[in-house]
Amino acid sequence: MLDFRAEWCGPCRNDLPVAAEAHRQREKTGIVIIGIHNPGSPEEKIREVMDKFQMQYPICIDPPRDEELQTWGLLSGQYGVFAIPHAFVIDQEGNIAGHGELKEVLLHARDLARRGK
């Protein structure tokens, strides 16, 4: 799963305990989460949030698309993400199998993992 978010985003923070727990269950479920953080936040702030919510999964800081507009990054643009939080489930063949709110996408990812897809 790709989980697009930012440390300053209130709704994103509400999802962090769910994402952190899903990551802790990865060996049992087969679901791997990679966080994609919007550009512009200091790395120290991102680390503070990671520590606070005990996030142990990798976080990629999305590079800005240009110097002027640092709110949305390259990956956000490539995935068409212009509102956060937003998650994607990627199947075992590398295809986008679903996207939307984290909890809904996580249910879909669990179903795919159970079916071996």
N, C-alpha and C. Protein backbone atom coordinates (compact mmCIF):
# COMPACT_ATOMS: atom_id res chain seq x y z
N MET A 1 0.83 -1.17 0.00
CA MET A 1 0.00 0.00 0.00
C MET A 1 0.88 1.24 0.00
N LEU A 2 0.42 2.26 -0.71
CA LEU A 2 1.04 3.58 -0.65
C LEU A 2 0.09 4.47 0.14
N ASP A 3 0.62 5.16 1.12
CA ASP A 3 -0.20 5.99 2.00
C ASP A 3 0.29 7.43 1.92
N PHE A 4 -0.44 8.27 1.18
CA PHE A 4 -0.06 9.68 0.99
C PHE A 4 -0.58 10.50 2.17
N ARG A 5 0.32 11.32 2.77
CA ARG A 5 -0.04 12.08 3.95
C ARG A 5 0.96 13.19 4.23
N ALA A 6 0.71 13.94 5.32
CA ALA A 6 1.64 14.98 5.78
C ALA A 6 1.54 15.09 7.29
N GLU A 7 2.62 15.49 7.93
CA GLU A 7 2.66 15.56 9.40
C GLU A 7 1.74 16.64 9.94
N TRP A 8 1.42 17.66 9.17
CA TRP A 8 0.60 18.77 9.62
C TRP A 8 -0.90 18.53 9.40
N CYS A 9 -1.26 17.43 8.76
CA CYS A 9 -2.63 17.13 8.38
C CYS A 9 -3.37 16.38 9.50
N GLY A 10 -4.40 17.03 10.08
CA GLY A 10 -5.17 16.41 11.16
C GLY A 10 -5.80 15.08 10.77
N PRO A 11 -6.55 15.00 9.67
CA PRO A 11 -7.13 13.71 9.27
C PRO A 11 -6.07 12.63 9.03
N CYS A 12 -4.91 13.04 8.53
CA CYS A 12 -3.81 12.07 8.34
C CYS A 12 -3.37 11.50 9.67
N ARG A 13 -3.24 12.35 10.68
CA ARG A 13 -2.83 11.89 12.01
C ARG A 13 -3.83 10.91 12.59
N ASN A 14 -5.11 11.11 12.30
CA ASN A 14 -6.13 10.18 12.79
C ASN A 14 -5.93 8.78 12.23
N ASP A 15 -5.37 8.67 11.03
CA ASP A 15 -5.13 7.37 10.39
C ASP A 15 -3.83 6.70 10.84
N LEU A 16 -2.92 7.46 11.43
CA LEU A 16 -1.60 6.91 11.72
C LEU A 16 -1.61 5.69 12.64
N PRO A 17 -2.42 5.65 13.70
CA PRO A 17 -2.44 4.42 14.51
C PRO A 17 -2.90 3.20 13.71
N VAL A 18 -3.83 3.39 12.79
CA VAL A 18 -4.31 2.29 11.95
C VAL A 18 -3.20 1.80 11.03
N ALA A 19 -2.50 2.73 10.40
CA ALA A 19 -1.41 2.38 9.50
C ALA A 19 -0.27 1.70 10.25
N ALA A 20 0.06 2.24 11.43
CA ALA A 20 1.16 1.66 12.22
C ALA A 20 0.82 0.23 12.64
N GLU A 21 -0.43 -0.01 13.04
CA GLU A 21 -0.84 -1.36 13.44
C GLU A 21 -0.85 -2.30 12.24
N ALA A 22 -1.31 -1.83 11.10
CA ALA A 22 -1.30 -2.66 9.88
C ALA A 22 0.13 -3.06 9.53
N HIS A 23 1.06 -2.14 9.71
CA HIS A 23 2.46 -2.46 9.42
C HIS A 23 2.99 -3.52 10.40
N ARG A 24 2.61 -3.40 11.68
CA ARG A 24 3.07 -4.39 12.66
C ARG A 24 2.55 -5.79 12.33
N GLN A 25 1.42 -5.87 11.65
CA GLN A 25 0.81 -7.16 11.29
C GLN A 25 1.27 -7.68 9.93
N ARG A 26 2.26 -7.02 9.31
CA ARG A 26 2.64 -7.32 7.93
C ARG A 26 3.07 -8.77 7.70
N GLU A 27 3.75 -9.37 8.66
CA GLU A 27 4.19 -10.76 8.46
C GLU A 27 2.99 -11.70 8.43
N LYS A 28 1.97 -11.38 9.20
CA LYS A 28 0.76 -12.19 9.24
C LYS A 28 -0.13 -11.95 8.03
N THR A 29 -0.23 -10.70 7.59
CA THR A 29 -1.17 -10.34 6.53
C THR A 29 -0.53 -10.27 5.15
N GLY A 30 0.78 -10.02 5.09
CA GLY A 30 1.45 -9.85 3.81
C GLY A 30 1.31 -8.45 3.23
N ILE A 31 0.73 -7.53 4.00
CA ILE A 31 0.51 -6.17 3.53
C ILE A 31 1.68 -5.28 3.97
N VAL A 32 2.28 -4.61 3.02
CA VAL A 32 3.39 -3.70 3.29
C VAL A 32 2.91 -2.28 3.02
N ILE A 33 3.20 -1.37 3.93
CA ILE A 33 2.82 0.03 3.77
C ILE A 33 4.07 0.87 3.54
N ILE A 34 3.98 1.77 2.58
CA ILE A 34 5.01 2.77 2.36
C ILE A 34 4.32 4.12 2.44
N GLY A 35 4.80 4.97 3.33
CA GLY A 35 4.25 6.30 3.48
C GLY A 35 4.86 7.26 2.47
N ILE A 36 4.02 8.11 1.89
CA ILE A 36 4.49 9.15 0.97
C ILE A 36 4.11 10.48 1.61
N HIS A 37 5.11 11.23 2.05
CA HIS A 37 4.89 12.50 2.75
C HIS A 37 5.01 13.67 1.78
N ASN A 38 4.03 14.56 1.82
CA ASN A 38 4.08 15.75 0.96
C ASN A 38 5.36 16.54 1.23
N PRO A 39 5.88 17.25 0.22
CA PRO A 39 7.08 18.07 0.42
C PRO A 39 6.78 19.29 1.29
N GLY A 40 7.84 19.86 1.84
CA GLY A 40 7.71 21.12 2.55
C GLY A 40 7.88 21.06 4.05
N SER A 41 7.69 19.90 4.67
CA SER A 41 7.85 19.81 6.12
C SER A 41 9.30 19.54 6.48
N PRO A 42 9.77 20.14 7.58
CA PRO A 42 11.13 19.81 8.03
C PRO A 42 11.20 18.33 8.44
N GLU A 43 12.31 17.71 8.12
CA GLU A 43 12.48 16.29 8.43
C GLU A 43 12.31 16.00 9.92
N GLU A 44 12.71 16.95 10.78
CA GLU A 44 12.57 16.75 12.23
C GLU A 44 11.10 16.59 12.62
N LYS A 45 10.22 17.38 12.00
CA LYS A 45 8.78 17.30 12.29
C LYS A 45 8.22 15.94 11.87
N ILE A 46 8.68 15.46 10.72
CA ILE A 46 8.22 14.15 10.24
C ILE A 46 8.67 13.07 11.20
N ARG A 47 9.92 13.15 11.65
CA ARG A 47 10.44 12.15 12.60
C ARG A 47 9.70 12.20 13.94
N GLU A 48 9.34 13.39 14.39
CA GLU A 48 8.57 13.53 15.64
C GLU A 48 7.25 12.78 15.54
N VAL A 49 6.56 12.96 14.43
CA VAL A 49 5.27 12.27 14.24
C VAL A 49 5.48 10.76 14.14
N MET A 50 6.53 10.35 13.43
CA MET A 50 6.83 8.92 13.32
C MET A 50 7.08 8.31 14.70
N ASP A 51 7.82 9.01 15.53
CA ASP A 51 8.10 8.52 16.88
C ASP A 51 6.83 8.50 17.73
N LYS A 52 6.06 9.58 17.67
CA LYS A 52 4.84 9.68 18.48
C LYS A 52 3.87 8.53 18.19
N PHE A 53 3.72 8.19 16.93
CA PHE A 53 2.76 7.15 16.54
C PHE A 53 3.42 5.79 16.31
N GLN A 54 4.70 5.68 16.68
CA GLN A 54 5.45 4.42 16.57
C GLN A 54 5.36 3.82 15.17
N MET A 55 5.58 4.68 14.20
CA MET A 55 5.55 4.26 12.80
C MET A 55 6.89 3.65 12.44
N GLN A 56 6.88 2.40 12.05
CA GLN A 56 8.11 1.69 11.72
C GLN A 56 8.24 1.40 10.24
N TYR A 57 7.26 1.85 9.45
CA TYR A 57 7.34 1.60 8.01
C TYR A 57 8.07 2.73 7.32
N PRO A 58 8.59 2.46 6.12
CA PRO A 58 9.36 3.50 5.42
C PRO A 58 8.48 4.67 4.99
N ILE A 59 9.06 5.86 5.06
CA ILE A 59 8.39 7.09 4.64
C ILE A 59 9.26 7.73 3.55
N CYS A 60 8.66 7.98 2.42
CA CYS A 60 9.33 8.67 1.32
C CYS A 60 8.85 10.12 1.34
N ILE A 61 9.77 11.05 1.32
CA ILE A 61 9.38 12.46 1.21
C ILE A 61 9.29 12.78 -0.28
N ASP A 62 8.08 13.07 -0.70
CA ASP A 62 7.79 13.33 -2.11
C ASP A 62 8.54 14.59 -2.56
N PRO A 63 9.39 14.48 -3.59
CA PRO A 63 10.11 15.67 -4.05
C PRO A 63 9.15 16.68 -4.67
N PRO A 64 9.36 17.98 -4.42
CA PRO A 64 8.47 18.99 -5.00
C PRO A 64 8.53 18.99 -6.52
N ARG A 65 7.41 19.34 -7.13
CA ARG A 65 7.35 19.39 -8.60
C ARG A 65 8.12 20.58 -9.14
N ASP A 66 8.09 21.69 -8.42
CA ASP A 66 8.87 22.86 -8.83
C ASP A 66 9.14 23.71 -7.60
N GLU A 67 10.01 24.68 -7.74
CA GLU A 67 10.42 25.52 -6.62
C GLU A 67 9.28 26.38 -6.09
N GLU A 68 8.36 26.78 -6.96
CA GLU A 68 7.26 27.67 -6.57
C GLU A 68 6.20 26.93 -5.76
N LEU A 69 5.80 25.76 -6.24
CA LEU A 69 4.70 25.00 -5.65
C LEU A 69 5.27 23.81 -4.90
N GLN A 70 5.36 23.93 -3.57
CA GLN A 70 5.96 22.85 -2.80
C GLN A 70 4.94 22.05 -2.00
N THR A 71 3.65 22.28 -2.23
CA THR A 71 2.63 21.54 -1.49
C THR A 71 2.47 20.13 -2.01
N TRP A 72 2.47 19.96 -3.32
CA TRP A 72 2.26 18.65 -3.93
C TRP A 72 3.52 18.23 -4.66
N GLY A 73 3.90 16.98 -4.48
CA GLY A 73 5.14 16.50 -5.06
C GLY A 73 4.96 15.73 -6.35
N LEU A 74 6.06 15.22 -6.84
CA LEU A 74 6.07 14.46 -8.09
C LEU A 74 5.21 13.22 -8.02
N LEU A 75 5.35 12.44 -6.95
CA LEU A 75 4.56 11.22 -6.82
C LEU A 75 3.08 11.53 -6.69
N SER A 76 2.76 12.57 -5.93
CA SER A 76 1.35 12.97 -5.80
C SER A 76 0.78 13.26 -7.18
N GLY A 77 1.53 13.98 -7.99
CA GLY A 77 1.08 14.30 -9.34
C GLY A 77 0.93 13.06 -10.20
N GLN A 78 1.88 12.15 -10.10
CA GLN A 78 1.82 10.93 -10.91
C GLN A 78 0.65 10.04 -10.53
N TYR A 79 0.28 10.04 -9.26
CA TYR A 79 -0.86 9.23 -8.79
C TYR A 79 -2.17 10.01 -8.77
N GLY A 80 -2.14 11.29 -9.13
CA GLY A 80 -3.35 12.09 -9.15
C GLY A 80 -3.89 12.40 -7.77
N VAL A 81 -3.00 12.54 -6.80
CA VAL A 81 -3.40 12.84 -5.42
C VAL A 81 -3.31 14.34 -5.18
N PHE A 82 -4.44 14.96 -4.92
CA PHE A 82 -4.48 16.38 -4.62
C PHE A 82 -5.30 16.66 -3.37
N ALA A 83 -5.53 15.61 -2.58
CA ALA A 83 -6.16 15.73 -1.26
C ALA A 83 -5.62 14.58 -0.41
N ILE A 84 -5.30 14.87 0.82
CA ILE A 84 -4.76 13.85 1.72
C ILE A 84 -5.63 13.80 2.97
N PRO A 85 -5.63 12.66 3.64
CA PRO A 85 -4.92 11.42 3.35
C PRO A 85 -5.56 10.68 2.18
N HIS A 86 -4.74 9.91 1.51
CA HIS A 86 -5.22 9.10 0.39
C HIS A 86 -4.30 7.88 0.27
N ALA A 87 -4.88 6.70 0.14
CA ALA A 87 -4.09 5.47 0.08
C ALA A 87 -4.39 4.71 -1.21
N PHE A 88 -3.41 3.93 -1.63
CA PHE A 88 -3.54 3.06 -2.80
C PHE A 88 -3.14 1.66 -2.40
N VAL A 89 -3.85 0.68 -2.91
CA VAL A 89 -3.41 -0.70 -2.76
C VAL A 89 -2.87 -1.13 -4.13
N ILE A 90 -1.68 -1.68 -4.09
CA ILE A 90 -1.00 -2.16 -5.29
C ILE A 90 -0.99 -3.69 -5.19
N ASP A 91 -1.51 -4.37 -6.21
CA ASP A 91 -1.56 -5.83 -6.13
C ASP A 91 -0.18 -6.43 -6.40
N GLN A 92 -0.10 -7.74 -6.31
CA GLN A 92 1.18 -8.43 -6.44
C GLN A 92 1.76 -8.34 -7.85
N GLU A 93 0.95 -7.92 -8.81
CA GLU A 93 1.44 -7.76 -10.18
C GLU A 93 1.84 -6.31 -10.47
N GLY A 94 1.72 -5.43 -9.46
CA GLY A 94 2.12 -4.04 -9.62
C GLY A 94 1.02 -3.13 -10.13
N ASN A 95 -0.21 -3.61 -10.17
CA ASN A 95 -1.34 -2.80 -10.64
C ASN A 95 -2.05 -2.12 -9.48
N ILE A 96 -2.57 -0.93 -9.72
CA ILE A 96 -3.39 -0.26 -8.71
C ILE A 96 -4.70 -1.02 -8.64
N ALA A 97 -4.98 -1.58 -7.47
CA ALA A 97 -6.18 -2.40 -7.29
C ALA A 97 -7.28 -1.65 -6.54
N GLY A 98 -6.98 -0.47 -6.03
CA GLY A 98 -7.96 0.33 -5.32
C GLY A 98 -7.31 1.54 -4.70
N HIS A 99 -8.14 2.54 -4.39
CA HIS A 99 -7.60 3.73 -3.72
C HIS A 99 -8.74 4.44 -3.01
N GLY A 100 -8.35 5.28 -2.04
CA GLY A 100 -9.34 6.04 -1.27
C GLY A 100 -8.88 6.21 0.16
N GLU A 101 -9.85 6.15 1.09
CA GLU A 101 -9.54 6.29 2.51
C GLU A 101 -8.79 5.06 3.00
N LEU A 102 -7.87 5.28 3.93
CA LEU A 102 -6.99 4.21 4.41
C LEU A 102 -7.75 2.99 4.88
N LYS A 103 -8.75 3.17 5.72
CA LYS A 103 -9.45 2.01 6.29
C LYS A 103 -10.12 1.17 5.20
N GLU A 104 -10.73 1.82 4.22
CA GLU A 104 -11.37 1.08 3.12
C GLU A 104 -10.33 0.37 2.26
N VAL A 105 -9.25 1.05 1.97
CA VAL A 105 -8.20 0.47 1.13
C VAL A 105 -7.53 -0.69 1.86
N LEU A 106 -7.37 -0.56 3.16
CA LEU A 106 -6.77 -1.63 3.95
C LEU A 106 -7.65 -2.89 3.93
N LEU A 107 -8.96 -2.72 4.01
CA LEU A 107 -9.87 -3.87 3.90
C LEU A 107 -9.71 -4.55 2.55
N HIS A 108 -9.61 -3.76 1.49
CA HIS A 108 -9.43 -4.31 0.15
C HIS A 108 -8.08 -5.03 0.05
N ALA A 109 -7.04 -4.45 0.63
CA ALA A 109 -5.71 -5.07 0.61
C ALA A 109 -5.73 -6.41 1.35
N ARG A 110 -6.42 -6.45 2.47
CA ARG A 110 -6.52 -7.72 3.23
C ARG A 110 -7.24 -8.78 2.42
N ASP A 111 -8.29 -8.39 1.71
CA ASP A 111 -9.03 -9.33 0.86
C ASP A 111 -8.12 -9.85 -0.25
N LEU A 112 -7.38 -8.96 -0.90
CA LEU A 112 -6.45 -9.38 -1.95
C LEU A 112 -5.38 -10.33 -1.40
N ALA A 113 -4.86 -10.01 -0.22
CA ALA A 113 -3.81 -10.85 0.38
C ALA A 113 -4.37 -12.24 0.71
N ARG A 114 -5.59 -12.29 1.21
CA ARG A 114 -6.20 -13.61 1.51
C ARG A 114 -6.36 -14.45 0.25
N ARG A 115 -6.67 -13.78 -0.86
CA ARG A 115 -6.86 -14.49 -2.13
C ARG A 115 -5.56 -14.70 -2.88
N GLY A 116 -4.44 -14.21 -2.32
CA GLY A 116 -3.13 -14.39 -2.94
C GLY A 116 -2.93 -13.53 -4.18
N LYS A 117 -3.55 -12.35 -4.21
CA LYS A 117 -3.42 -11.49 -5.39
C LYS A 117 -2.67 -10.27 -5.05
